[in-house]
């Protein structure tokens, strides 16, 4: 019997990368969020991206990372 454990490694990768996101460009962070949304089987939309960014803003404690997410959020809403 084959089981799909793809979600578990993805969670550990995304948790590990969360600390490095402040050092990444806004495009790279947005790409990582899109990849996480798609790998979770969710539909990719502006609404989904906004929810993911808000979730990241809520759990993030680093001020520079929060500013990074806020900038991406503003750009996403400006489209």
PDB file of N, CA and C in Angstrom:
ATOM      1  N   UNK A   1       0.835  -1.162   0.000  1.00  0.00           N
ATOM      2  CA  UNK A   1       0.000   0.000   0.000  1.00  0.00           C
ATOM      3  C   UNK A   1       0.892   1.241   0.000  1.00  0.00           C
ATOM      4  N   UNK A   2       0.540   2.188  -0.826  1.00  0.00           N
ATOM      5  CA  UNK A   2       1.346   3.401  -0.970  1.00  0.00           C
ATOM      6  C   UNK A   2       0.620   4.573  -0.326  1.00  0.00           C
ATOM      7  N   UNK A   3       1.338   5.313   0.497  1.00  0.00           N
ATOM      8  CA  UNK A   3       0.744   6.503   1.110  1.00  0.00           C
ATOM      9  C   UNK A   3       1.469   7.729   0.608  1.00  0.00           C
ATOM     10  N   UNK A   4       0.764   8.819   0.556  1.00  0.00           N
ATOM     11  CA  UNK A   4       1.340  10.065   0.085  1.00  0.00           C
ATOM     12  C   UNK A   4       1.668  10.945   1.274  1.00  0.00           C
ATOM     13  N   UNK A   5       2.942  11.058   1.594  1.00  0.00           N
ATOM     14  CA  UNK A   5       3.385  11.888   2.704  1.00  0.00           C
ATOM     15  C   UNK A   5       4.011  13.184   2.210  1.00  0.00           C
ATOM     16  N   UNK A   6       3.610  13.631   1.041  1.00  0.00           N
ATOM     17  CA  UNK A   6       4.216  14.824   0.451  1.00  0.00           C
ATOM     18  C   UNK A   6       3.915  16.070   1.274  1.00  0.00           C
ATOM     19  N   UNK A   7       2.801  16.107   1.963  1.00  0.00           N
ATOM     20  CA  UNK A   7       2.434  17.306   2.724  1.00  0.00           C
ATOM     21  C   UNK A   7       3.338  17.510   3.933  1.00  0.00           C
ATOM     22  N   UNK A   8       3.764  16.451   4.586  1.00  0.00           N
ATOM     23  CA  UNK A   8       4.601  16.582   5.772  1.00  0.00           C
ATOM     24  C   UNK A   8       5.956  17.218   5.477  1.00  0.00           C
ATOM     25  N   UNK A   9       6.716  16.745   4.455  1.00  0.00           N
ATOM     26  CA  UNK A   9       7.982  17.414   4.170  1.00  0.00           C
ATOM     27  C   UNK A   9       7.776  18.855   3.724  1.00  0.00           C
ATOM     28  N   UNK A  10       6.696  19.116   3.017  1.00  0.00           N
ATOM     29  CA  UNK A  10       6.424  20.475   2.563  1.00  0.00           C
ATOM     30  C   UNK A  10       6.231  21.421   3.741  1.00  0.00           C
ATOM     31  N   UNK A  11       5.552  20.958   4.783  1.00  0.00           N
ATOM     32  CA  UNK A  11       5.359  21.799   5.962  1.00  0.00           C
ATOM     33  C   UNK A  11       6.681  22.131   6.623  1.00  0.00           C
ATOM     34  N   UNK A  12       7.558  21.137   6.740  1.00  0.00           N
ATOM     35  CA  UNK A  12       8.837  21.408   7.380  1.00  0.00           C
ATOM     36  C   UNK A  12       9.687  22.334   6.528  1.00  0.00           C
ATOM     37  N   UNK A  13       9.584  22.204   5.213  1.00  0.00           N
ATOM     38  CA  UNK A  13      10.325  23.102   4.329  1.00  0.00           C
ATOM     39  C   UNK A  13       9.796  24.514   4.470  1.00  0.00           C
ATOM     40  N   UNK A  14       8.475  24.680   4.438  1.00  0.00           N
ATOM     41  CA  UNK A  14       7.924  26.031   4.521  1.00  0.00           C
ATOM     42  C   UNK A  14       8.189  26.659   5.879  1.00  0.00           C
ATOM     43  N   UNK A  15       8.166  25.877   6.942  1.00  0.00           N
ATOM     44  CA  UNK A  15       8.469  26.428   8.257  1.00  0.00           C
ATOM     45  C   UNK A  15       9.928  26.859   8.336  1.00  0.00           C
ATOM     46  N   UNK A  16      10.815  26.070   7.718  1.00  0.00           N
ATOM     47  CA  UNK A  16      12.232  26.418   7.721  1.00  0.00           C
ATOM     48  C   UNK A  16      12.482  27.673   6.888  1.00  0.00           C
ATOM     49  N   UNK A  17      11.816  27.785   5.752  1.00  0.00           N
ATOM     50  CA  UNK A  17      12.012  28.922   4.867  1.00  0.00           C
ATOM     51  C   UNK A  17      11.366  30.186   5.395  1.00  0.00           C
ATOM     52  N   UNK A  18      10.430  30.083   6.299  1.00  0.00           N
ATOM     53  CA  UNK A  18       9.740  31.256   6.820  1.00  0.00           C
ATOM     54  C   UNK A  18      10.721  32.230   7.459  1.00  0.00           C
ATOM     55  N   UNK A  19      11.740  31.719   8.116  1.00  0.00           N
ATOM     56  CA  UNK A  19      12.730  32.595   8.724  1.00  0.00           C
ATOM     57  C   UNK A  19      13.606  33.286   7.700  1.00  0.00           C
ATOM     58  N   UNK A  20      13.757  32.682   6.524  1.00  0.00           N
ATOM     59  CA  UNK A  20      14.608  33.239   5.486  1.00  0.00           C
ATOM     60  C   UNK A  20      13.867  34.159   4.530  1.00  0.00           C
ATOM     61  N   UNK A  21      12.582  34.284   4.661  1.00  0.00           N
ATOM     62  CA  UNK A  21      11.802  35.054   3.702  1.00  0.00           C
ATOM     63  C   UNK A  21      12.122  36.542   3.726  1.00  0.00           C
ATOM     64  N   UNK A  22      12.537  37.062   4.857  1.00  0.00           N
ATOM     65  CA  UNK A  22      12.883  38.477   4.925  1.00  0.00           C
ATOM     66  C   UNK A  22      14.114  38.766   4.071  1.00  0.00           C
ATOM     67  N   UNK A  23      14.957  37.776   3.857  1.00  0.00           N
ATOM     68  CA  UNK A  23      16.163  37.940   3.066  1.00  0.00           C
ATOM     69  C   UNK A  23      15.903  37.715   1.582  1.00  0.00           C
ATOM     70  N   UNK A  24      14.749  37.162   1.224  1.00  0.00           N
ATOM     71  CA  UNK A  24      14.403  36.875  -0.161  1.00  0.00           C
ATOM     72  C   UNK A  24      13.746  38.099  -0.786  1.00  0.00           C
ATOM     73  N   UNK A  25      13.766  38.162  -2.119  1.00  0.00           N
ATOM     74  CA  UNK A  25      13.078  39.253  -2.806  1.00  0.00           C
ATOM     75  C   UNK A  25      11.569  39.038  -2.691  1.00  0.00           C
ATOM     76  N   UNK A  26      10.823  40.090  -2.938  1.00  0.00           N
ATOM     77  CA  UNK A  26       9.362  39.980  -2.850  1.00  0.00           C
ATOM     78  C   UNK A  26       8.830  38.980  -3.860  1.00  0.00           C
ATOM     79  N   UNK A  27       9.439  38.927  -5.036  1.00  0.00           N
ATOM     80  CA  UNK A  27       9.010  37.981  -6.064  1.00  0.00           C
ATOM     81  C   UNK A  27       9.260  36.541  -5.622  1.00  0.00           C
ATOM     82  N   UNK A  28      10.394  36.308  -4.958  1.00  0.00           N
ATOM     83  CA  UNK A  28      10.701  34.963  -4.469  1.00  0.00           C
ATOM     84  C   UNK A  28       9.726  34.538  -3.375  1.00  0.00           C
ATOM     85  N   UNK A  29       9.409  35.454  -2.474  1.00  0.00           N
ATOM     86  CA  UNK A  29       8.459  35.149  -1.401  1.00  0.00           C
ATOM     87  C   UNK A  29       7.092  34.836  -1.992  1.00  0.00           C
ATOM     88  N   UNK A  30       6.671  35.646  -2.948  1.00  0.00           N
ATOM     89  CA  UNK A  30       5.381  35.414  -3.592  1.00  0.00           C
ATOM     90  C   UNK A  30       5.382  34.076  -4.318  1.00  0.00           C
ATOM     91  N   UNK A  31       6.481  33.736  -4.963  1.00  0.00           N
ATOM     92  CA  UNK A  31       6.596  32.436  -5.637  1.00  0.00           C
ATOM     93  C   UNK A  31       6.498  31.272  -4.666  1.00  0.00           C
ATOM     94  N   UNK A  32       7.135  31.411  -3.496  1.00  0.00           N
ATOM     95  CA  UNK A  32       7.056  30.363  -2.473  1.00  0.00           C
ATOM     96  C   UNK A  32       5.623  30.205  -1.964  1.00  0.00           C
ATOM     97  N   UNK A  33       4.937  31.335  -1.760  1.00  0.00           N
ATOM     98  CA  UNK A  33       3.546  31.262  -1.303  1.00  0.00           C
ATOM     99  C   UNK A  33       2.664  30.590  -2.352  1.00  0.00           C
ATOM    100  N   UNK A  34       2.877  30.936  -3.617  1.00  0.00           N
ATOM    101  CA  UNK A  34       2.104  30.312  -4.698  1.00  0.00           C
ATOM    102  C   UNK A  34       2.369  28.809  -4.729  1.00  0.00           C
ATOM    103  N   UNK A  35       3.634  28.425  -4.596  1.00  0.00           N
ATOM    104  CA  UNK A  35       3.976  26.993  -4.595  1.00  0.00           C
ATOM    105  C   UNK A  35       3.312  26.274  -3.429  1.00  0.00           C
ATOM    106  N   UNK A  36       3.292  26.898  -2.250  1.00  0.00           N
ATOM    107  CA  UNK A  36       2.645  26.282  -1.086  1.00  0.00           C
ATOM    108  C   UNK A  36       1.142  26.130  -1.294  1.00  0.00           C
ATOM    109  N   UNK A  37       0.519  27.138  -1.892  1.00  0.00           N
ATOM    110  CA  UNK A  37      -0.920  27.081  -2.154  1.00  0.00           C
ATOM    111  C   UNK A  37      -1.228  25.947  -3.118  1.00  0.00           C
ATOM    112  N   UNK A  38      -0.469  25.877  -4.197  1.00  0.00           N
ATOM    113  CA  UNK A  38      -0.714  24.843  -5.200  1.00  0.00           C
ATOM    114  C   UNK A  38      -0.406  23.446  -4.675  1.00  0.00           C
ATOM    115  N   UNK A  39       0.661  23.305  -3.893  1.00  0.00           N
ATOM    116  CA  UNK A  39       0.997  21.980  -3.365  1.00  0.00           C
ATOM    117  C   UNK A  39      -0.017  21.518  -2.323  1.00  0.00           C
ATOM    118  N   UNK A  40      -0.729  22.465  -1.699  1.00  0.00           N
ATOM    119  CA  UNK A  40      -1.766  22.104  -0.741  1.00  0.00           C
ATOM    120  C   UNK A  40      -3.075  21.743  -1.447  1.00  0.00           C
ATOM    121  N   UNK A  41      -3.100  21.887  -2.774  1.00  0.00           N
ATOM    122  CA  UNK A  41      -4.297  21.532  -3.538  1.00  0.00           C
ATOM    123  C   UNK A  41      -5.357  22.613  -3.538  1.00  0.00           C
ATOM    124  N   UNK A  42      -4.995  23.811  -3.114  1.00  0.00           N
ATOM    125  CA  UNK A  42      -5.948  24.921  -3.095  1.00  0.00           C
ATOM    126  C   UNK A  42      -5.975  25.598  -4.459  1.00  0.00           C
ATOM    127  N   UNK A  43      -7.070  26.300  -4.732  1.00  0.00           N
ATOM    128  CA  UNK A  43      -7.179  27.072  -5.954  1.00  0.00           C
ATOM    129  C   UNK A  43      -6.396  28.360  -5.797  1.00  0.00           C
ATOM    130  N   UNK A  44      -5.593  28.677  -6.804  1.00  0.00           N
ATOM    131  CA  UNK A  44      -4.786  29.891  -6.764  1.00  0.00           C
ATOM    132  C   UNK A  44      -5.627  31.070  -7.238  1.00  0.00           C
ATOM    133  N   UNK A  45      -5.755  32.060  -6.388  1.00  0.00           N
ATOM    134  CA  UNK A  45      -6.483  33.276  -6.726  1.00  0.00           C
ATOM    135  C   UNK A  45      -5.922  34.419  -5.892  1.00  0.00           C
ATOM    136  N   UNK A  46      -6.313  35.630  -6.231  1.00  0.00           N
ATOM    137  CA  UNK A  46      -5.870  36.778  -5.449  1.00  0.00           C
ATOM    138  C   UNK A  46      -6.367  36.661  -4.013  1.00  0.00           C
ATOM    139  N   UNK A  47      -7.581  36.174  -3.856  1.00  0.00           N
ATOM    140  CA  UNK A  47      -8.157  36.001  -2.521  1.00  0.00           C
ATOM    141  C   UNK A  47      -7.322  35.020  -1.691  1.00  0.00           C
ATOM    142  N   UNK A  48      -6.941  33.898  -2.292  1.00  0.00           N
ATOM    143  CA  UNK A  48      -6.135  32.903  -1.589  1.00  0.00           C
ATOM    144  C   UNK A  48      -4.772  33.483  -1.218  1.00  0.00           C
ATOM    145  N   UNK A  49      -4.160  34.220  -2.139  1.00  0.00           N
ATOM    146  CA  UNK A  49      -2.876  34.859  -1.849  1.00  0.00           C
ATOM    147  C   UNK A  49      -3.006  35.867  -0.714  1.00  0.00           C
ATOM    148  N   UNK A  50      -4.081  36.643  -0.720  1.00  0.00           N
ATOM    149  CA  UNK A  50      -4.298  37.614   0.354  1.00  0.00           C
ATOM    150  C   UNK A  50      -4.434  36.912   1.704  1.00  0.00           C
ATOM    151  N   UNK A  51      -5.201  35.827   1.741  1.00  0.00           N
ATOM    152  CA  UNK A  51      -5.362  35.086   2.997  1.00  0.00           C
ATOM    153  C   UNK A  51      -4.031  34.531   3.487  1.00  0.00           C
ATOM    154  N   UNK A  52      -3.232  33.979   2.574  1.00  0.00           N
ATOM    155  CA  UNK A  52      -1.938  33.434   2.964  1.00  0.00           C
ATOM    156  C   UNK A  52      -1.012  34.533   3.470  1.00  0.00           C
ATOM    157  N   UNK A  53      -1.011  35.679   2.805  1.00  0.00           N
ATOM    158  CA  UNK A  53      -0.180  36.795   3.263  1.00  0.00           C
ATOM    159  C   UNK A  53      -0.631  37.300   4.624  1.00  0.00           C
ATOM    160  N   UNK A  54      -1.942  37.408   4.815  1.00  0.00           N
ATOM    161  CA  UNK A  54      -2.453  37.841   6.125  1.00  0.00           C
ATOM    162  C   UNK A  54      -2.083  36.847   7.220  1.00  0.00           C
ATOM    163  N   UNK A  55      -2.144  35.566   6.881  1.00  0.00           N
ATOM    164  CA  UNK A  55      -1.760  34.539   7.848  1.00  0.00           C
ATOM    165  C   UNK A  55      -0.285  34.680   8.212  1.00  0.00           C
ATOM    166  N   UNK A  56       0.562  34.915   7.218  1.00  0.00           N
ATOM    167  CA  UNK A  56       1.988  35.091   7.468  1.00  0.00           C
ATOM    168  C   UNK A  56       2.244  36.348   8.289  1.00  0.00           C
ATOM    169  N   UNK A  57       1.529  37.418   7.992  1.00  0.00           N
ATOM    170  CA  UNK A  57       1.664  38.657   8.772  1.00  0.00           C
ATOM    171  C   UNK A  57       1.270  38.433  10.223  1.00  0.00           C
ATOM    172  N   UNK A  58       0.258  37.611  10.446  1.00  0.00           N
ATOM    173  CA  UNK A  58      -0.234  37.359  11.789  1.00  0.00           C
ATOM    174  C   UNK A  58       0.748  36.553  12.633  1.00  0.00           C
ATOM    175  N   UNK A  59       1.390  35.559  12.026  1.00  0.00           N
ATOM    176  CA  UNK A  59       2.275  34.683  12.796  1.00  0.00           C
ATOM    177  C   UNK A  59       3.724  35.160  12.837  1.00  0.00           C
ATOM    178  N   UNK A  60       4.086  36.067  11.953  1.00  0.00           N
ATOM    179  CA  UNK A  60       5.465  36.539  11.864  1.00  0.00           C
ATOM    180  C   UNK A  60       5.761  37.505  13.011  1.00  0.00           C
ATOM    181  N   UNK A  61       6.935  37.341  13.613  1.00  0.00           N
ATOM    182  CA  UNK A  61       7.325  38.215  14.716  1.00  0.00           C
ATOM    183  C   UNK A  61       8.455  39.161  14.332  1.00  0.00           C
ATOM    184  N   UNK A  62       9.166  38.869  13.253  1.00  0.00           N
ATOM    185  CA  UNK A  62      10.278  39.696  12.800  1.00  0.00           C
ATOM    186  C   UNK A  62       9.741  40.937  12.085  1.00  0.00           C
ATOM    187  N   UNK A  63      10.178  42.112  12.518  1.00  0.00           N
ATOM    188  CA  UNK A  63       9.669  43.375  11.968  1.00  0.00           C
ATOM    189  C   UNK A  63      10.008  43.528  10.490  1.00  0.00           C
ATOM    190  N   UNK A  64      11.210  43.138  10.089  1.00  0.00           N
ATOM    191  CA  UNK A  64      11.575  43.283   8.684  1.00  0.00           C
ATOM    192  C   UNK A  64      10.780  42.317   7.799  1.00  0.00           C
ATOM    193  N   UNK A  65      10.518  41.117   8.299  1.00  0.00           N
ATOM    194  CA  UNK A  65       9.703  40.161   7.547  1.00  0.00           C
ATOM    195  C   UNK A  65       8.264  40.654   7.442  1.00  0.00           C
ATOM    196  N   UNK A  66       7.743  41.227   8.528  1.00  0.00           N
ATOM    197  CA  UNK A  66       6.385  41.785   8.490  1.00  0.00           C
ATOM    198  C   UNK A  66       6.283  42.884   7.445  1.00  0.00           C
ATOM    199  N   UNK A  67       7.301  43.738   7.376  1.00  0.00           N
ATOM    200  CA  UNK A  67       7.307  44.810   6.388  1.00  0.00           C
ATOM    201  C   UNK A  67       7.355  44.241   4.977  1.00  0.00           C
ATOM    202  N   UNK A  68       8.109  43.182   4.811  1.00  0.00           N
ATOM    203  CA  UNK A  68       8.222  42.502   3.522  1.00  0.00           C
ATOM    204  C   UNK A  68       6.855  41.982   3.080  1.00  0.00           C
ATOM    205  N   UNK A  69       6.172  41.286   3.983  1.00  0.00           N
ATOM    206  CA  UNK A  69       4.839  40.764   3.676  1.00  0.00           C
ATOM    207  C   UNK A  69       3.851  41.893   3.417  1.00  0.00           C
ATOM    208  N   UNK A  70       3.935  42.959   4.184  1.00  0.00           N
ATOM    209  CA  UNK A  70       3.026  44.091   4.004  1.00  0.00           C
ATOM    210  C   UNK A  70       3.227  44.730   2.633  1.00  0.00           C
ATOM    211  N   UNK A  71       4.469  44.851   2.187  1.00  0.00           N
ATOM    212  CA  UNK A  71       4.744  45.410   0.861  1.00  0.00           C
ATOM    213  C   UNK A  71       4.149  44.543  -0.238  1.00  0.00           C
ATOM    214  N   UNK A  72       4.295  43.235  -0.102  1.00  0.00           N
ATOM    215  CA  UNK A  72       3.724  42.314  -1.087  1.00  0.00           C
ATOM    216  C   UNK A  72       2.205  42.421  -1.078  1.00  0.00           C
ATOM    217  N   UNK A  73       1.629  42.508   0.105  1.00  0.00           N
ATOM    218  CA  UNK A  73       0.176  42.611   0.238  1.00  0.00           C
ATOM    219  C   UNK A  73      -0.331  43.879  -0.453  1.00  0.00           C
ATOM    220  N   UNK A  74       0.358  45.001  -0.227  1.00  0.00           N
ATOM    221  CA  UNK A  74      -0.041  46.268  -0.867  1.00  0.00           C
ATOM    222  C   UNK A  74       0.025  46.166  -2.387  1.00  0.00           C
ATOM    223  N   UNK A  75       1.084  45.549  -2.895  1.00  0.00           N
ATOM    224  CA  UNK A  75       1.224  45.381  -4.341  1.00  0.00           C
ATOM    225  C   UNK A  75       0.148  44.478  -4.905  1.00  0.00           C
ATOM    226  N   UNK A  76      -0.194  43.459  -4.165  1.00  0.00           N
ATOM    227  CA  UNK A  76      -1.220  42.526  -4.614  1.00  0.00           C
ATOM    228  C   UNK A  76      -2.580  43.204  -4.690  1.00  0.00           C
ATOM    229  N   UNK A  77      -2.865  44.082  -3.749  1.00  0.00           N
ATOM    230  CA  UNK A  77      -4.140  44.788  -3.749  1.00  0.00           C
ATOM    231  C   UNK A  77      -4.185  45.932  -4.751  1.00  0.00           C
ATOM    232  N   UNK A  78      -3.030  46.428  -5.157  1.00  0.00           N
ATOM    233  CA  UNK A  78      -2.968  47.552  -6.090  1.00  0.00           C
ATOM    234  C   UNK A  78      -3.233  47.128  -7.531  1.00  0.00           C
ATOM    235  N   UNK A  79      -3.199  45.838  -7.820  1.00  0.00           N
ATOM    236  CA  UNK A  79      -3.400  45.367  -9.193  1.00  0.00           C
ATOM    237  C   UNK A  79      -4.772  45.674  -9.705  1.00  0.00           C
TER     238      UNK A  79
END
